[in-house]
PDB file of N, CA and C in Angstrom:
ATOM      1  N   UNK A   1     -34.362 158.650  28.704  1.00  0.00           N
ATOM      2  CA  UNK A   1     -34.350 158.314  27.295  1.00  0.00           C
ATOM      3  C   UNK A   1     -33.493 157.074  27.069  1.00  0.00           C
ATOM      4  N   UNK A   2     -34.057 156.101  26.384  1.00  0.00           N
ATOM      5  CA  UNK A   2     -33.370 154.845  26.151  1.00  0.00           C
ATOM      6  C   UNK A   2     -32.418 154.976  24.970  1.00  0.00           C
ATOM      7  N   UNK A   3     -31.237 154.404  25.125  1.00  0.00           N
ATOM      8  CA  UNK A   3     -30.227 154.461  24.072  1.00  0.00           C
ATOM      9  C   UNK A   3     -30.600 153.537  22.920  1.00  0.00           C
ATOM     10  N   UNK A   4     -30.249 153.950  21.700  1.00  0.00           N
ATOM     11  CA  UNK A   4     -30.479 153.114  20.528  1.00  0.00           C
ATOM     12  C   UNK A   4     -29.656 151.843  20.613  1.00  0.00           C
ATOM     13  N   UNK A   5     -30.223 150.761  20.119  1.00  0.00           N
ATOM     14  CA  UNK A   5     -29.483 149.501  20.075  1.00  0.00           C
ATOM     15  C   UNK A   5     -29.127 149.173  18.632  1.00  0.00           C
ATOM     16  N   UNK A   6     -28.152 148.314  18.515  1.00  0.00           N
ATOM     17  CA  UNK A   6     -27.698 147.894  17.198  1.00  0.00           C
ATOM     18  C   UNK A   6     -27.587 146.380  17.200  1.00  0.00           C
ATOM     19  N   UNK A   7     -28.010 145.759  16.096  1.00  0.00           N
ATOM     20  CA  UNK A   7     -27.889 144.315  15.965  1.00  0.00           C
ATOM     21  C   UNK A   7     -26.497 143.996  15.428  1.00  0.00           C
ATOM     22  N   UNK A   8     -25.801 143.094  16.122  1.00  0.00           N
ATOM     23  CA  UNK A   8     -24.489 142.663  15.651  1.00  0.00           C
ATOM     24  C   UNK A   8     -24.408 141.144  15.708  1.00  0.00           C
ATOM     25  N   UNK A   9     -23.510 140.600  14.924  1.00  0.00           N
ATOM     26  CA  UNK A   9     -23.218 139.176  14.946  1.00  0.00           C
ATOM     27  C   UNK A   9     -21.725 139.038  15.205  1.00  0.00           C
ATOM     28  N   UNK A  10     -21.403 138.347  16.276  1.00  0.00           N
ATOM     29  CA  UNK A  10     -20.007 138.121  16.635  1.00  0.00           C
ATOM     30  C   UNK A  10     -19.672 136.665  16.363  1.00  0.00           C
ATOM     31  N   UNK A  11     -18.494 136.442  15.831  1.00  0.00           N
ATOM     32  CA  UNK A  11     -18.067 135.077  15.539  1.00  0.00           C
ATOM     33  C   UNK A  11     -16.938 134.698  16.487  1.00  0.00           C
ATOM     34  N   UNK A  12     -17.158 133.598  17.202  1.00  0.00           N
ATOM     35  CA  UNK A  12     -16.154 133.063  18.113  1.00  0.00           C
ATOM     36  C   UNK A  12     -15.936 131.609  17.754  1.00  0.00           C
ATOM     37  N   UNK A  13     -14.781 131.343  17.175  1.00  0.00           N
ATOM     38  CA  UNK A  13     -14.437 130.025  16.668  1.00  0.00           C
ATOM     39  C   UNK A  13     -15.517 129.584  15.679  1.00  0.00           C
ATOM     40  N   UNK A  14     -16.197 128.483  15.956  1.00  0.00           N
ATOM     41  CA  UNK A  14     -17.214 127.988  15.024  1.00  0.00           C
ATOM     42  C   UNK A  14     -18.607 128.494  15.365  1.00  0.00           C
ATOM     43  N   UNK A  15     -18.704 129.419  16.293  1.00  0.00           N
ATOM     44  CA  UNK A  15     -19.993 129.889  16.776  1.00  0.00           C
ATOM     45  C   UNK A  15     -20.261 131.327  16.335  1.00  0.00           C
ATOM     46  N   UNK A  16     -21.518 131.616  16.097  1.00  0.00           N
ATOM     47  CA  UNK A  16     -21.957 132.982  15.837  1.00  0.00           C
ATOM     48  C   UNK A  16     -22.910 133.386  16.952  1.00  0.00           C
ATOM     49  N   UNK A  17     -22.723 134.593  17.430  1.00  0.00           N
ATOM     50  CA  UNK A  17     -23.596 135.108  18.480  1.00  0.00           C
ATOM     51  C   UNK A  17     -24.296 136.330  17.932  1.00  0.00           C
ATOM     52  N   UNK A  18     -25.614 136.252  17.847  1.00  0.00           N
ATOM     53  CA  UNK A  18     -26.427 137.353  17.354  1.00  0.00           C
ATOM     54  C   UNK A  18     -27.023 138.069  18.552  1.00  0.00           C
ATOM     55  N   UNK A  19     -26.844 139.393  18.604  1.00  0.00           N
ATOM     56  CA  UNK A  19     -27.362 140.122  19.762  1.00  0.00           C
ATOM     57  C   UNK A  19     -27.638 141.574  19.426  1.00  0.00           C
ATOM     58  N   UNK A  20     -28.458 142.184  20.251  1.00  0.00           N
ATOM     59  CA  UNK A  20     -28.699 143.617  20.187  1.00  0.00           C
ATOM     60  C   UNK A  20     -27.932 144.250  21.344  1.00  0.00           C
ATOM     61  N   UNK A  21     -27.135 145.262  21.029  1.00  0.00           N
ATOM     62  CA  UNK A  21     -26.308 145.921  22.038  1.00  0.00           C
ATOM     63  C   UNK A  21     -26.526 147.422  21.948  1.00  0.00           C
ATOM     64  N   UNK A  22     -26.258 148.143  23.021  1.00  0.00           N
ATOM     65  CA  UNK A  22     -26.324 149.607  22.921  1.00  0.00           C
ATOM     66  C   UNK A  22     -25.365 150.071  21.819  1.00  0.00           C
ATOM     67  N   UNK A  23     -25.825 150.958  20.980  1.00  0.00           N
ATOM     68  CA  UNK A  23     -25.019 151.394  19.845  1.00  0.00           C
ATOM     69  C   UNK A  23     -23.662 151.930  20.277  1.00  0.00           C
ATOM     70  N   UNK A  24     -23.623 152.632  21.388  1.00  0.00           N
ATOM     71  CA  UNK A  24     -22.356 153.206  21.856  1.00  0.00           C
ATOM     72  C   UNK A  24     -21.376 152.133  22.331  1.00  0.00           C
ATOM     73  N   UNK A  25     -21.887 150.954  22.652  1.00  0.00           N
ATOM     74  CA  UNK A  25     -21.039 149.869  23.165  1.00  0.00           C
ATOM     75  C   UNK A  25     -20.628 148.873  22.088  1.00  0.00           C
ATOM     76  N   UNK A  26     -21.102 149.053  20.870  1.00  0.00           N
ATOM     77  CA  UNK A  26     -20.799 148.089  19.810  1.00  0.00           C
ATOM     78  C   UNK A  26     -19.297 147.855  19.638  1.00  0.00           C
ATOM     79  N   UNK A  27     -18.454 148.903  19.603  1.00  0.00           N
ATOM     80  CA  UNK A  27     -17.013 148.647  19.465  1.00  0.00           C
ATOM     81  C   UNK A  27     -16.436 147.854  20.643  1.00  0.00           C
ATOM     82  N   UNK A  28     -16.987 148.061  21.816  1.00  0.00           N
ATOM     83  CA  UNK A  28     -16.517 147.332  22.995  1.00  0.00           C
ATOM     84  C   UNK A  28     -16.813 145.846  22.841  1.00  0.00           C
ATOM     85  N   UNK A  29     -18.015 145.522  22.391  1.00  0.00           N
ATOM     86  CA  UNK A  29     -18.386 144.123  22.169  1.00  0.00           C
ATOM     87  C   UNK A  29     -17.490 143.491  21.109  1.00  0.00           C
ATOM     88  N   UNK A  30     -17.198 144.216  20.057  1.00  0.00           N
ATOM     89  CA  UNK A  30     -16.350 143.680  18.988  1.00  0.00           C
ATOM     90  C   UNK A  30     -14.921 143.450  19.481  1.00  0.00           C
ATOM     91  N   UNK A  31     -14.392 144.401  20.252  1.00  0.00           N
ATOM     92  CA  UNK A  31     -13.033 144.222  20.800  1.00  0.00           C
ATOM     93  C   UNK A  31     -13.004 143.045  21.774  1.00  0.00           C
ATOM     94  N   UNK A  32     -14.042 142.914  22.577  1.00  0.00           N
ATOM     95  CA  UNK A  32     -14.110 141.799  23.525  1.00  0.00           C
ATOM     96  C   UNK A  32     -14.140 140.464  22.786  1.00  0.00           C
ATOM     97  N   UNK A  33     -14.926 140.392  21.729  1.00  0.00           N
ATOM     98  CA  UNK A  33     -14.995 139.154  20.939  1.00  0.00           C
ATOM     99  C   UNK A  33     -13.642 138.841  20.317  1.00  0.00           C
ATOM    100  N   UNK A  34     -12.960 139.850  19.833  1.00  0.00           N
ATOM    101  CA  UNK A  34     -11.628 139.656  19.253  1.00  0.00           C
ATOM    102  C   UNK A  34     -10.656 139.154  20.314  1.00  0.00           C
ATOM    103  N   UNK A  35     -10.703 139.741  21.497  1.00  0.00           N
ATOM    104  CA  UNK A  35      -9.824 139.312  22.589  1.00  0.00           C
ATOM    105  C   UNK A  35     -10.101 137.858  22.968  1.00  0.00           C
ATOM    106  N   UNK A  36     -11.380 137.507  23.068  1.00  0.00           N
ATOM    107  CA  UNK A  36     -11.736 136.122  23.387  1.00  0.00           C
ATOM    108  C   UNK A  36     -11.231 135.169  22.320  1.00  0.00           C
ATOM    109  N   UNK A  37     -11.408 135.539  21.068  1.00  0.00           N
ATOM    110  CA  UNK A  37     -10.964 134.685  19.965  1.00  0.00           C
ATOM    111  C   UNK A  37      -9.450 134.506  19.987  1.00  0.00           C
ATOM    112  N   UNK A  38      -8.720 135.569  20.292  1.00  0.00           N
ATOM    113  CA  UNK A  38      -7.257 135.468  20.354  1.00  0.00           C
ATOM    114  C   UNK A  38      -6.816 134.527  21.471  1.00  0.00           C
ATOM    115  N   UNK A  39      -7.432 134.656  22.644  1.00  0.00           N
ATOM    116  CA  UNK A  39      -7.079 133.782  23.759  1.00  0.00           C
ATOM    117  C   UNK A  39      -7.463 132.336  23.426  1.00  0.00           C
ATOM    118  N   UNK A  40      -8.632 132.140  22.832  1.00  0.00           N
ATOM    119  CA  UNK A  40      -9.073 130.795  22.443  1.00  0.00           C
ATOM    120  C   UNK A  40      -8.076 130.169  21.472  1.00  0.00           C
ATOM    121  N   UNK A  41      -7.665 130.940  20.468  1.00  0.00           N
ATOM    122  CA  UNK A  41      -6.716 130.420  19.470  1.00  0.00           C
ATOM    123  C   UNK A  41      -5.398 130.036  20.116  1.00  0.00           C
ATOM    124  N   UNK A  42      -4.946 130.836  21.071  1.00  0.00           N
ATOM    125  CA  UNK A  42      -3.704 130.541  21.783  1.00  0.00           C
ATOM    126  C   UNK A  42      -3.830 129.238  22.552  1.00  0.00           C
ATOM    127  N   UNK A  43      -4.921 129.069  23.281  1.00  0.00           N
ATOM    128  CA  UNK A  43      -5.126 127.833  24.038  1.00  0.00           C
ATOM    129  C   UNK A  43      -5.310 126.634  23.109  1.00  0.00           C
ATOM    130  N   UNK A  44      -5.986 126.836  21.989  1.00  0.00           N
ATOM    131  CA  UNK A  44      -6.204 125.724  21.053  1.00  0.00           C
ATOM    132  C   UNK A  44      -4.867 125.224  20.511  1.00  0.00           C
ATOM    133  N   UNK A  45      -3.942 126.142  20.207  1.00  0.00           N
ATOM    134  CA  UNK A  45      -2.619 125.739  19.716  1.00  0.00           C
ATOM    135  C   UNK A  45      -1.820 125.043  20.818  1.00  0.00           C
ATOM    136  N   UNK A  46      -1.951 125.547  22.034  1.00  0.00           N
ATOM    137  CA  UNK A  46      -1.159 125.029  23.147  1.00  0.00           C
ATOM    138  C   UNK A  46      -1.692 123.695  23.666  1.00  0.00           C
ATOM    139  N   UNK A  47      -3.018 123.549  23.686  1.00  0.00           N
ATOM    140  CA  UNK A  47      -3.654 122.351  24.243  1.00  0.00           C
ATOM    141  C   UNK A  47      -4.560 121.707  23.193  1.00  0.00           C
ATOM    142  N   UNK A  48      -3.957 121.137  22.185  1.00  0.00           N
ATOM    143  CA  UNK A  48      -4.730 120.613  21.053  1.00  0.00           C
ATOM    144  C   UNK A  48      -5.617 119.420  21.418  1.00  0.00           C
ATOM    145  N   UNK A  49      -5.359 118.783  22.535  1.00  0.00           N
ATOM    146  CA  UNK A  49      -6.159 117.609  22.911  1.00  0.00           C
ATOM    147  C   UNK A  49      -7.433 117.965  23.672  1.00  0.00           C
ATOM    148  N   UNK A  50      -7.570 119.191  24.100  1.00  0.00           N
ATOM    149  CA  UNK A  50      -8.765 119.580  24.843  1.00  0.00           C
ATOM    150  C   UNK A  50      -9.956 119.743  23.904  1.00  0.00           C
ATOM    151  N   UNK A  51     -11.138 119.492  24.437  1.00  0.00           N
ATOM    152  CA  UNK A  51     -12.358 119.725  23.656  1.00  0.00           C
ATOM    153  C   UNK A  51     -12.611 121.231  23.567  1.00  0.00           C
ATOM    154  N   UNK A  52     -13.494 121.613  22.665  1.00  0.00           N
ATOM    155  CA  UNK A  52     -13.852 123.027  22.536  1.00  0.00           C
ATOM    156  C   UNK A  52     -14.431 123.544  23.853  1.00  0.00           C
ATOM    157  N   UNK A  53     -15.241 122.733  24.501  1.00  0.00           N
ATOM    158  CA  UNK A  53     -15.833 123.142  25.782  1.00  0.00           C
ATOM    159  C   UNK A  53     -14.743 123.394  26.826  1.00  0.00           C
ATOM    160  N   UNK A  54     -13.764 122.502  26.905  1.00  0.00           N
ATOM    161  CA  UNK A  54     -12.671 122.678  27.855  1.00  0.00           C
ATOM    162  C   UNK A  54     -11.850 123.926  27.518  1.00  0.00           C
ATOM    163  N   UNK A  55     -11.633 124.150  26.226  1.00  0.00           N
ATOM    164  CA  UNK A  55     -10.885 125.340  25.811  1.00  0.00           C
ATOM    165  C   UNK A  55     -11.619 126.612  26.232  1.00  0.00           C
ATOM    166  N   UNK A  56     -12.942 126.646  26.020  1.00  0.00           N
ATOM    167  CA  UNK A  56     -13.706 127.836  26.411  1.00  0.00           C
ATOM    168  C   UNK A  56     -13.678 128.037  27.927  1.00  0.00           C
ATOM    169  N   UNK A  57     -13.630 126.950  28.690  1.00  0.00           N
ATOM    170  CA  UNK A  57     -13.500 127.084  30.143  1.00  0.00           C
ATOM    171  C   UNK A  57     -12.147 127.707  30.501  1.00  0.00           C
ATOM    172  N   UNK A  58     -11.105 127.301  29.798  1.00  0.00           N
ATOM    173  CA  UNK A  58      -9.791 127.909  30.010  1.00  0.00           C
ATOM    174  C   UNK A  58      -9.815 129.395  29.663  1.00  0.00           C
ATOM    175  N   UNK A  59     -10.468 129.720  28.561  1.00  0.00           N
ATOM    176  CA  UNK A  59     -10.584 131.122  28.145  1.00  0.00           C
ATOM    177  C   UNK A  59     -11.330 131.919  29.204  1.00  0.00           C
ATOM    178  N   UNK A  60     -12.441 131.372  29.689  1.00  0.00           N
ATOM    179  CA  UNK A  60     -13.233 132.075  30.710  1.00  0.00           C
ATOM    180  C   UNK A  60     -12.400 132.326  31.958  1.00  0.00           C
ATOM    181  N   UNK A  61     -11.668 131.321  32.406  1.00  0.00           N
ATOM    182  CA  UNK A  61     -10.838 131.491  33.587  1.00  0.00           C
ATOM    183  C   UNK A  61      -9.729 132.511  33.335  1.00  0.00           C
ATOM    184  N   UNK A  62      -9.089 132.427  32.179  1.00  0.00           N
ATOM    185  CA  UNK A  62      -8.035 133.375  31.807  1.00  0.00           C
ATOM    186  C   UNK A  62      -8.558 134.810  31.860  1.00  0.00           C
ATOM    187  N   UNK A  63      -9.706 135.046  31.252  1.00  0.00           N
ATOM    188  CA  UNK A  63     -10.273 136.393  31.214  1.00  0.00           C
ATOM    189  C   UNK A  63     -10.710 136.845  32.603  1.00  0.00           C
ATOM    190  N   UNK A  64     -11.246 135.932  33.404  1.00  0.00           N
ATOM    191  CA  UNK A  64     -11.668 136.282  34.768  1.00  0.00           C
ATOM    192  C   UNK A  64     -10.462 136.674  35.618  1.00  0.00           C
ATOM    193  N   UNK A  65      -9.353 135.963  35.465  1.00  0.00           N
ATOM    194  CA  UNK A  65      -8.138 136.303  36.210  1.00  0.00           C
ATOM    195  C   UNK A  65      -7.646 137.683  35.794  1.00  0.00           C
ATOM    196  N   UNK A  66      -7.637 137.955  34.496  1.00  0.00           N
ATOM    197  CA  UNK A  66      -7.224 139.282  34.024  1.00  0.00           C
ATOM    198  C   UNK A  66      -8.136 140.375  34.563  1.00  0.00           C
ATOM    199  N   UNK A  67      -9.421 140.108  34.592  1.00  0.00           N
ATOM    200  CA  UNK A  67     -10.382 141.080  35.112  1.00  0.00           C
ATOM    201  C   UNK A  67     -10.138 141.333  36.599  1.00  0.00           C
ATOM    202  N   UNK A  68      -9.907 140.272  37.344  1.00  0.00           N
ATOM    203  CA  UNK A  68      -9.631 140.402  38.775  1.00  0.00           C
ATOM    204  C   UNK A  68      -8.351 141.205  39.002  1.00  0.00           C
ATOM    205  N   UNK A  69      -7.317 140.940  38.213  1.00  0.00           N
ATOM    206  CA  UNK A  69      -6.074 141.711  38.316  1.00  0.00           C
ATOM    207  C   UNK A  69      -6.316 143.184  38.029  1.00  0.00           C
ATOM    208  N   UNK A  70      -7.109 143.461  36.996  1.00  0.00           N
ATOM    209  CA  UNK A  70      -7.413 144.861  36.657  1.00  0.00           C
ATOM    210  C   UNK A  70      -8.167 145.549  37.785  1.00  0.00           C
ATOM    211  N   UNK A  71      -9.140 144.868  38.390  1.00  0.00           N
ATOM    212  CA  UNK A  71      -9.876 145.444  39.516  1.00  0.00           C
ATOM    213  C   UNK A  71      -8.936 145.758  40.672  1.00  0.00           C
ATOM    214  N   UNK A  72      -8.031 144.828  40.967  1.00  0.00           N
ATOM    215  CA  UNK A  72      -7.090 145.024  42.066  1.00  0.00           C
ATOM    216  C   UNK A  72      -6.177 146.210  41.781  1.00  0.00           C
ATOM    217  N   UNK A  73      -5.670 146.300  40.568  1.00  0.00           N
ATOM    218  CA  UNK A  73      -4.786 147.414  40.206  1.00  0.00           C
ATOM    219  C   UNK A  73      -5.518 148.744  40.312  1.00  0.00           C
ATOM    220  N   UNK A  74      -6.753 148.788  39.819  1.00  0.00           N
ATOM    221  CA  UNK A  74      -7.517 150.034  39.871  1.00  0.00           C
ATOM    222  C   UNK A  74      -7.822 150.433  41.306  1.00  0.00           C
ATOM    223  N   UNK A  75      -8.068 149.458  42.159  1.00  0.00           N
ATOM    224  CA  UNK A  75      -8.382 149.796  43.550  1.00  0.00           C
ATOM    225  C   UNK A  75      -7.138 150.295  44.280  1.00  0.00           C
ATOM    226  N   UNK A  76      -5.952 149.935  43.797  1.00  0.00           N
ATOM    227  CA  UNK A  76      -4.714 150.376  44.422  1.00  0.00           C
ATOM    228  C   UNK A  76      -4.167 151.671  43.832  1.00  0.00           C
ATOM    229  N   UNK A  77      -4.671 152.094  42.664  1.00  0.00           N
ATOM    230  CA  UNK A  77      -4.147 153.293  42.024  1.00  0.00           C
ATOM    231  C   UNK A  77      -4.150 154.520  42.938  1.00  0.00           C
ATOM    232  N   UNK A  78      -5.246 154.819  43.639  1.00  0.00           N
ATOM    233  CA  UNK A  78      -5.222 155.996  44.515  1.00  0.00           C
ATOM    234  C   UNK A  78      -4.158 155.890  45.607  1.00  0.00           C
ATOM    235  N   UNK A  79      -3.979 154.700  46.155  1.00  0.00           N
ATOM    236  CA  UNK A  79      -2.978 154.493  47.201  1.00  0.00           C
ATOM    237  C   UNK A  79      -1.580 154.684  46.625  1.00  0.00           C
ATOM    238  N   UNK A  80      -1.328 154.099  45.458  1.00  0.00           N
ATOM    239  CA  UNK A  80      -0.021 154.235  44.831  1.00  0.00           C
ATOM    240  C   UNK A  80       0.276 155.689  44.487  1.00  0.00           C
ATOM    241  N   UNK A  81      -0.720 156.414  44.020  1.00  0.00           N
ATOM    242  CA  UNK A  81      -0.540 157.832  43.698  1.00  0.00           C
ATOM    243  C   UNK A  81      -0.173 158.619  44.947  1.00  0.00           C
ATOM    244  N   UNK A  82      -0.883 158.376  46.029  1.00  0.00           N
ATOM    245  CA  UNK A  82      -0.603 159.075  47.285  1.00  0.00           C
ATOM    246  C   UNK A  82       0.791 158.717  47.800  1.00  0.00           C
ATOM    247  N   UNK A  83       1.182 157.458  47.687  1.00  0.00           N
ATOM    248  CA  UNK A  83       2.521 157.058  48.136  1.00  0.00           C
ATOM    249  C   UNK A  83       3.607 157.734  47.296  1.00  0.00           C
ATOM    250  N   UNK A  84       3.376 157.840  45.982  1.00  0.00           N
ATOM    251  CA  UNK A  84       4.334 158.541  45.114  1.00  0.00           C
ATOM    252  C   UNK A  84       4.445 160.010  45.515  1.00  0.00           C
ATOM    253  N   UNK A  85       3.300 160.634  45.786  1.00  0.00           N
ATOM    254  CA  UNK A  85       3.314 162.038  46.206  1.00  0.00           C
ATOM    255  C   UNK A  85       4.050 162.200  47.539  1.00  0.00           C
ATOM    256  N   UNK A  86       3.796 161.306  48.472  1.00  0.00           N
ATOM    257  CA  UNK A  86       4.441 161.358  49.774  1.00  0.00           C
ATOM    258  C   UNK A  86       5.952 161.159  49.635  1.00  0.00           C
ATOM    259  N   UNK A  87       6.366 160.211  48.815  1.00  0.00           N
ATOM    260  CA  UNK A  87       7.794 159.976  48.595  1.00  0.00           C
ATOM    261  C   UNK A  87       8.456 161.204  47.985  1.00  0.00           C
ATOM    262  N   UNK A  88       7.766 161.861  47.078  1.00  0.00           N
ATOM    263  CA  UNK A  88       8.298 163.077  46.455  1.00  0.00           C
ATOM    264  C   UNK A  88       8.468 164.188  47.487  1.00  0.00           C
ATOM    265  N   UNK A  89       7.491 164.358  48.351  1.00  0.00           N
ATOM    266  CA  UNK A  89       7.560 165.382  49.399  1.00  0.00           C
ATOM    267  C   UNK A  89       8.735 165.089  50.335  1.00  0.00           C
ATOM    268  N   UNK A  90       8.887 163.834  50.728  1.00  0.00           N
ATOM    269  CA  UNK A  90       9.976 163.450  51.619  1.00  0.00           C
ATOM    270  C   UNK A  90      11.330 163.706  50.948  1.00  0.00           C
ATOM    271  N   UNK A  91      11.453 163.333  49.665  1.00  0.00           N
ATOM    272  CA  UNK A  91      12.703 163.590  48.938  1.00  0.00           C
ATOM    273  C   UNK A  91      13.032 165.068  48.898  1.00  0.00           C
ATOM    274  N   UNK A  92      12.023 165.893  48.606  1.00  0.00           N
ATOM    275  CA  UNK A  92      12.233 167.341  48.547  1.00  0.00           C
ATOM    276  C   UNK A  92      12.672 167.885  49.903  1.00  0.00           C
ATOM    277  N   UNK A  93      12.031 167.429  50.966  1.00  0.00           N
ATOM    278  CA  UNK A  93      12.403 167.892  52.309  1.00  0.00           C
ATOM    279  C   UNK A  93      13.839 167.479  52.652  1.00  0.00           C
ATOM    280  N   UNK A  94      14.191 166.240  52.323  1.00  0.00           N
ATOM    281  CA  UNK A  94      15.549 165.765  52.587  1.00  0.00           C
ATOM    282  C   UNK A  94      16.571 166.530  51.761  1.00  0.00           C
ATOM    283  N   UNK A  95      16.260 166.774  50.505  1.00  0.00           N
ATOM    284  CA  UNK A  95      17.171 167.545  49.655  1.00  0.00           C
ATOM    285  C   UNK A  95      17.375 168.951  50.202  1.00  0.00           C
ATOM    286  N   UNK A  96      16.310 169.580  50.654  1.00  0.00           N
ATOM    287  CA  UNK A  96      16.397 170.947  51.194  1.00  0.00           C
ATOM    288  C   UNK A  96      17.121 170.979  52.532  1.00  0.00           C
ATOM    289  N   UNK A  97      17.005 169.925  53.312  1.00  0.00           N
ATOM    290  CA  UNK A  97      17.646 169.861  54.620  1.00  0.00           C
ATOM    291  C   UNK A  97      19.153 169.681  54.469  1.00  0.00           C
ATOM    292  N   UNK A  98      19.576 168.895  53.483  1.00  0.00           N
ATOM    293  CA  UNK A  98      20.993 168.619  53.273  1.00  0.00           C
ATOM    294  C   UNK A  98      21.742 169.830  52.762  1.00  0.00           C
ATOM    295  N   UNK A  99      21.085 170.785  52.161  1.00  0.00           N
ATOM    296  CA  UNK A  99      21.765 171.948  51.572  1.00  0.00           C
ATOM    297  C   UNK A  99      22.077 172.994  52.576  1.00  0.00           C
TER     298      UNK A  99
END
């Protein structure tokens, strides 16, 4: 069964993007557009001499780096959890041995 779609219009700087998205994902698209607009505004204030195209390239790179960092963190979460559990077990054993 195909999910219902919803028509939305997102505004990014001077641009409007009209699209149909899965209804359940509409808030995600809106939050993403807001995040992009915030990063764009930050770069526009910081680098006022850049063209809009250059600013959007900076935004794209910024978001891609954040995405890559998130992927790396998520891939390490299971390892970090196991290391925390192992450290806890070792601490407990050492505490019990010293008593």
